[in-house]
Amino acid sequence: MKRDLVLIRKIFDILSVLSYTKIYKPIPINIKGASKEKVDYHIKLLKDFEMIETMIDDKGQELPCRIMWRGHEYLQEKNNSILTLFTKHFS
């Protein structure tokens, strides 16, 4: 399976909203148009690259529970890129 950077961004968009709690718990990720297998594969890639932490839910599924340091760095870089483009365009 090929790495899908758009899907990775969608996963991070969901996690960036849902993972800011004091109690970490598995977060199910469902993305319209992407199969469960494809989403699971990309979650595994993000875990392997230490961008997210995962937990096993009560059904035995490995699901993301929080964004780790590298993941936050990715989000910050993404936001800085958007801000830079916006500033250049409207300055």
N, C-alpha and C. Protein backbone atom coordinates (compact mmCIF):
# COMPACT_ATOMS: atom_id res chain seq x y z
N MET A 1 0.85 -1.18 0.00
CA MET A 1 0.00 0.00 0.00
C MET A 1 0.90 1.24 0.00
N LYS A 2 0.52 2.23 -0.78
CA LYS A 2 1.30 3.47 -0.85
C LYS A 2 0.91 4.43 0.27
N ARG A 3 1.87 5.20 0.68
CA ARG A 3 1.63 6.23 1.69
C ARG A 3 0.80 7.35 1.06
N ASP A 4 -0.23 7.77 1.77
CA ASP A 4 -1.16 8.81 1.29
C ASP A 4 -1.06 10.00 2.24
N LEU A 5 -0.36 11.05 1.80
CA LEU A 5 -0.14 12.21 2.67
C LEU A 5 -1.42 12.98 2.95
N VAL A 6 -2.37 12.95 2.03
CA VAL A 6 -3.66 13.61 2.28
C VAL A 6 -4.39 12.89 3.41
N LEU A 7 -4.37 11.57 3.39
CA LEU A 7 -5.00 10.79 4.46
C LEU A 7 -4.30 11.04 5.79
N ILE A 8 -3.00 11.13 5.77
CA ILE A 8 -2.25 11.42 7.01
C ILE A 8 -2.68 12.77 7.57
N ARG A 9 -2.84 13.77 6.71
CA ARG A 9 -3.29 15.09 7.18
C ARG A 9 -4.69 15.00 7.78
N LYS A 10 -5.56 14.22 7.16
CA LYS A 10 -6.91 14.05 7.70
C LYS A 10 -6.90 13.38 9.06
N ILE A 11 -6.04 12.38 9.23
CA ILE A 11 -5.91 11.71 10.53
C ILE A 11 -5.45 12.72 11.58
N PHE A 12 -4.45 13.52 11.24
CA PHE A 12 -3.96 14.53 12.18
C PHE A 12 -5.01 15.58 12.48
N ASP A 13 -5.79 15.97 11.50
CA ASP A 13 -6.85 16.94 11.75
C ASP A 13 -7.83 16.41 12.79
N ILE A 14 -8.19 15.15 12.69
CA ILE A 14 -9.09 14.54 13.67
C ILE A 14 -8.43 14.45 15.03
N LEU A 15 -7.19 13.96 15.06
CA LEU A 15 -6.49 13.81 16.34
C LEU A 15 -6.21 15.14 17.03
N SER A 16 -5.92 16.16 16.25
CA SER A 16 -5.59 17.45 16.86
C SER A 16 -6.78 18.03 17.61
N VAL A 17 -7.98 17.66 17.22
CA VAL A 17 -9.18 18.12 17.90
C VAL A 17 -9.54 17.20 19.07
N LEU A 18 -9.41 15.89 18.87
CA LEU A 18 -9.93 14.93 19.84
C LEU A 18 -8.94 14.46 20.90
N SER A 19 -7.66 14.70 20.72
CA SER A 19 -6.69 14.10 21.65
C SER A 19 -6.26 15.00 22.80
N TYR A 20 -6.87 16.16 22.95
CA TYR A 20 -6.48 17.06 24.03
C TYR A 20 -7.33 16.84 25.28
N THR A 21 -7.12 15.72 25.92
CA THR A 21 -7.79 15.42 27.18
C THR A 21 -6.74 15.00 28.18
N LYS A 22 -7.10 15.02 29.46
CA LYS A 22 -6.16 14.59 30.49
C LYS A 22 -6.08 13.07 30.58
N ILE A 23 -7.11 12.38 30.13
CA ILE A 23 -7.13 10.93 30.15
C ILE A 23 -7.00 10.44 28.72
N TYR A 24 -5.94 9.68 28.47
CA TYR A 24 -5.74 9.17 27.12
C TYR A 24 -6.60 7.93 26.93
N LYS A 25 -7.30 7.90 25.81
CA LYS A 25 -8.12 6.75 25.46
C LYS A 25 -8.07 6.56 23.95
N PRO A 26 -8.31 5.34 23.49
CA PRO A 26 -8.27 5.10 22.04
C PRO A 26 -9.30 5.95 21.30
N ILE A 27 -8.90 6.51 20.18
CA ILE A 27 -9.77 7.37 19.37
C ILE A 27 -10.03 6.68 18.04
N PRO A 28 -11.27 6.24 17.81
CA PRO A 28 -11.57 5.62 16.51
C PRO A 28 -11.52 6.67 15.40
N ILE A 29 -10.91 6.30 14.30
CA ILE A 29 -10.76 7.20 13.16
C ILE A 29 -11.53 6.62 11.97
N ASN A 30 -12.51 7.36 11.51
CA ASN A 30 -13.26 6.99 10.31
C ASN A 30 -13.18 8.15 9.34
N ILE A 31 -12.72 7.88 8.13
CA ILE A 31 -12.57 8.93 7.13
C ILE A 31 -13.34 8.51 5.89
N LYS A 32 -14.25 9.35 5.50
CA LYS A 32 -15.09 9.07 4.34
C LYS A 32 -14.21 8.88 3.10
N GLY A 33 -14.48 7.80 2.39
CA GLY A 33 -13.74 7.52 1.17
C GLY A 33 -12.48 6.70 1.37
N ALA A 34 -12.11 6.42 2.62
CA ALA A 34 -10.92 5.62 2.90
C ALA A 34 -11.33 4.33 3.62
N SER A 35 -10.80 3.22 3.16
CA SER A 35 -11.14 1.94 3.79
C SER A 35 -10.53 1.87 5.19
N LYS A 36 -11.11 1.02 6.01
CA LYS A 36 -10.59 0.82 7.37
C LYS A 36 -9.15 0.32 7.30
N GLU A 37 -8.86 -0.57 6.35
CA GLU A 37 -7.52 -1.12 6.20
C GLU A 37 -6.51 -0.03 5.85
N LYS A 38 -6.92 0.89 4.99
CA LYS A 38 -6.02 1.98 4.60
C LYS A 38 -5.77 2.93 5.77
N VAL A 39 -6.82 3.25 6.52
CA VAL A 39 -6.66 4.12 7.69
C VAL A 39 -5.77 3.43 8.73
N ASP A 40 -6.03 2.14 8.99
CA ASP A 40 -5.22 1.39 9.96
C ASP A 40 -3.75 1.35 9.55
N TYR A 41 -3.49 1.17 8.26
CA TYR A 41 -2.12 1.14 7.75
C TYR A 41 -1.42 2.47 8.02
N HIS A 42 -2.11 3.57 7.78
CA HIS A 42 -1.51 4.89 7.99
C HIS A 42 -1.34 5.21 9.46
N ILE A 43 -2.23 4.72 10.29
CA ILE A 43 -2.05 4.87 11.75
C ILE A 43 -0.78 4.13 12.18
N LYS A 44 -0.57 2.94 11.63
CA LYS A 44 0.64 2.17 11.94
C LYS A 44 1.88 2.92 11.48
N LEU A 45 1.84 3.52 10.28
CA LEU A 45 2.98 4.31 9.81
C LEU A 45 3.28 5.46 10.76
N LEU A 46 2.24 6.17 11.20
CA LEU A 46 2.43 7.30 12.11
C LEU A 46 2.99 6.84 13.45
N LYS A 47 2.55 5.67 13.91
CA LYS A 47 3.09 5.13 15.17
C LYS A 47 4.56 4.74 14.98
N ASP A 48 4.87 4.06 13.88
CA ASP A 48 6.25 3.64 13.63
C ASP A 48 7.20 4.82 13.55
N PHE A 49 6.72 5.94 13.06
CA PHE A 49 7.55 7.14 12.95
C PHE A 49 7.49 7.99 14.22
N GLU A 50 6.84 7.46 15.26
CA GLU A 50 6.72 8.10 16.57
C GLU A 50 6.04 9.47 16.49
N MET A 51 5.02 9.56 15.63
CA MET A 51 4.26 10.80 15.54
C MET A 51 3.00 10.72 16.40
N ILE A 52 2.51 9.50 16.65
CA ILE A 52 1.35 9.30 17.51
C ILE A 52 1.62 8.13 18.46
N GLU A 53 0.87 8.10 19.53
CA GLU A 53 0.87 6.96 20.44
C GLU A 53 -0.45 6.24 20.25
N THR A 54 -0.42 4.92 20.36
CA THR A 54 -1.64 4.14 20.19
C THR A 54 -1.94 3.33 21.44
N MET A 55 -3.18 2.87 21.53
CA MET A 55 -3.64 1.99 22.60
C MET A 55 -4.52 0.92 21.97
N ILE A 56 -4.68 -0.17 22.67
CA ILE A 56 -5.58 -1.23 22.23
C ILE A 56 -6.94 -0.99 22.88
N ASP A 57 -8.00 -0.96 22.07
CA ASP A 57 -9.34 -0.76 22.62
C ASP A 57 -9.92 -2.10 23.11
N ASP A 58 -11.13 -2.06 23.60
CA ASP A 58 -11.74 -3.27 24.17
C ASP A 58 -12.06 -4.33 23.10
N LYS A 59 -11.99 -3.97 21.82
CA LYS A 59 -12.20 -4.93 20.73
C LYS A 59 -10.88 -5.47 20.19
N GLY A 60 -9.77 -5.04 20.78
CA GLY A 60 -8.46 -5.50 20.35
C GLY A 60 -7.88 -4.73 19.19
N GLN A 61 -8.47 -3.58 18.85
CA GLN A 61 -7.97 -2.76 17.76
C GLN A 61 -6.94 -1.76 18.29
N GLU A 62 -5.88 -1.57 17.52
CA GLU A 62 -4.88 -0.55 17.87
C GLU A 62 -5.34 0.78 17.30
N LEU A 63 -5.61 1.72 18.19
CA LEU A 63 -6.13 3.04 17.79
C LEU A 63 -5.25 4.14 18.36
N PRO A 64 -5.18 5.27 17.67
CA PRO A 64 -4.40 6.39 18.22
C PRO A 64 -5.05 6.94 19.48
N CYS A 65 -4.20 7.45 20.38
CA CYS A 65 -4.73 8.07 21.61
C CYS A 65 -4.17 9.47 21.83
N ARG A 66 -3.01 9.76 21.24
CA ARG A 66 -2.46 11.11 21.40
C ARG A 66 -1.39 11.37 20.37
N ILE A 67 -1.15 12.64 20.15
CA ILE A 67 -0.09 13.09 19.24
C ILE A 67 1.19 13.23 20.06
N MET A 68 2.28 12.73 19.53
CA MET A 68 3.57 12.82 20.21
C MET A 68 4.37 14.01 19.67
N TRP A 69 5.58 14.21 20.19
CA TRP A 69 6.39 15.37 19.86
C TRP A 69 6.55 15.56 18.35
N ARG A 70 6.94 14.51 17.64
CA ARG A 70 7.13 14.62 16.19
C ARG A 70 5.83 15.01 15.49
N GLY A 71 4.72 14.50 15.99
CA GLY A 71 3.43 14.85 15.41
C GLY A 71 3.11 16.32 15.61
N HIS A 72 3.42 16.84 16.80
CA HIS A 72 3.20 18.27 17.05
C HIS A 72 4.11 19.12 16.17
N GLU A 73 5.34 18.65 15.96
CA GLU A 73 6.26 19.37 15.07
C GLU A 73 5.69 19.41 13.65
N TYR A 74 5.13 18.29 13.20
CA TYR A 74 4.51 18.23 11.87
C TYR A 74 3.37 19.24 11.77
N LEU A 75 2.50 19.26 12.78
CA LEU A 75 1.36 20.18 12.77
C LEU A 75 1.82 21.63 12.78
N GLN A 76 2.84 21.93 13.58
CA GLN A 76 3.35 23.30 13.64
C GLN A 76 3.94 23.70 12.28
N GLU A 77 4.68 22.81 11.67
CA GLU A 77 5.27 23.11 10.35
C GLU A 77 4.17 23.32 9.32
N LYS A 78 3.14 22.48 9.37
CA LYS A 78 2.01 22.62 8.45
C LYS A 78 1.34 23.99 8.65
N ASN A 79 1.11 24.38 9.89
CA ASN A 79 0.48 25.67 10.18
C ASN A 79 1.37 26.83 9.77
N ASN A 80 2.67 26.71 9.99
CA ASN A 80 3.60 27.77 9.58
C ASN A 80 3.62 27.92 8.07
N SER A 81 3.53 26.81 7.34
CA SER A 81 3.52 26.87 5.88
C SER A 81 2.27 27.59 5.38
N ILE A 82 1.14 27.29 5.98
CA ILE A 82 -0.11 27.94 5.59
C ILE A 82 -0.04 29.43 5.90
N LEU A 83 0.48 29.78 7.07
CA LEU A 83 0.60 31.18 7.47
C LEU A 83 1.54 31.93 6.52
N THR A 84 2.66 31.29 6.14
CA THR A 84 3.61 31.91 5.23
C THR A 84 2.96 32.18 3.88
N LEU A 85 2.23 31.21 3.34
CA LEU A 85 1.54 31.41 2.06
C LEU A 85 0.51 32.52 2.16
N PHE A 86 -0.24 32.55 3.24
CA PHE A 86 -1.27 33.57 3.46
C PHE A 86 -0.63 34.95 3.51
N THR A 87 0.47 35.06 4.27
CA THR A 87 1.15 36.35 4.43
C THR A 87 1.71 36.84 3.11
N LYS A 88 2.34 35.95 2.34
CA LYS A 88 2.91 36.35 1.05
C LYS A 88 1.81 36.79 0.08
N HIS A 89 0.70 36.10 0.12
CA HIS A 89 -0.39 36.38 -0.82
C HIS A 89 -1.08 37.72 -0.51
N PHE A 90 -1.26 38.01 0.78
CA PHE A 90 -2.04 39.20 1.16
C PHE A 90 -1.20 40.37 1.65
N SER A 91 0.12 40.29 1.51
CA SER A 91 0.99 41.39 1.95
C SER A 91 1.23 42.37 0.82
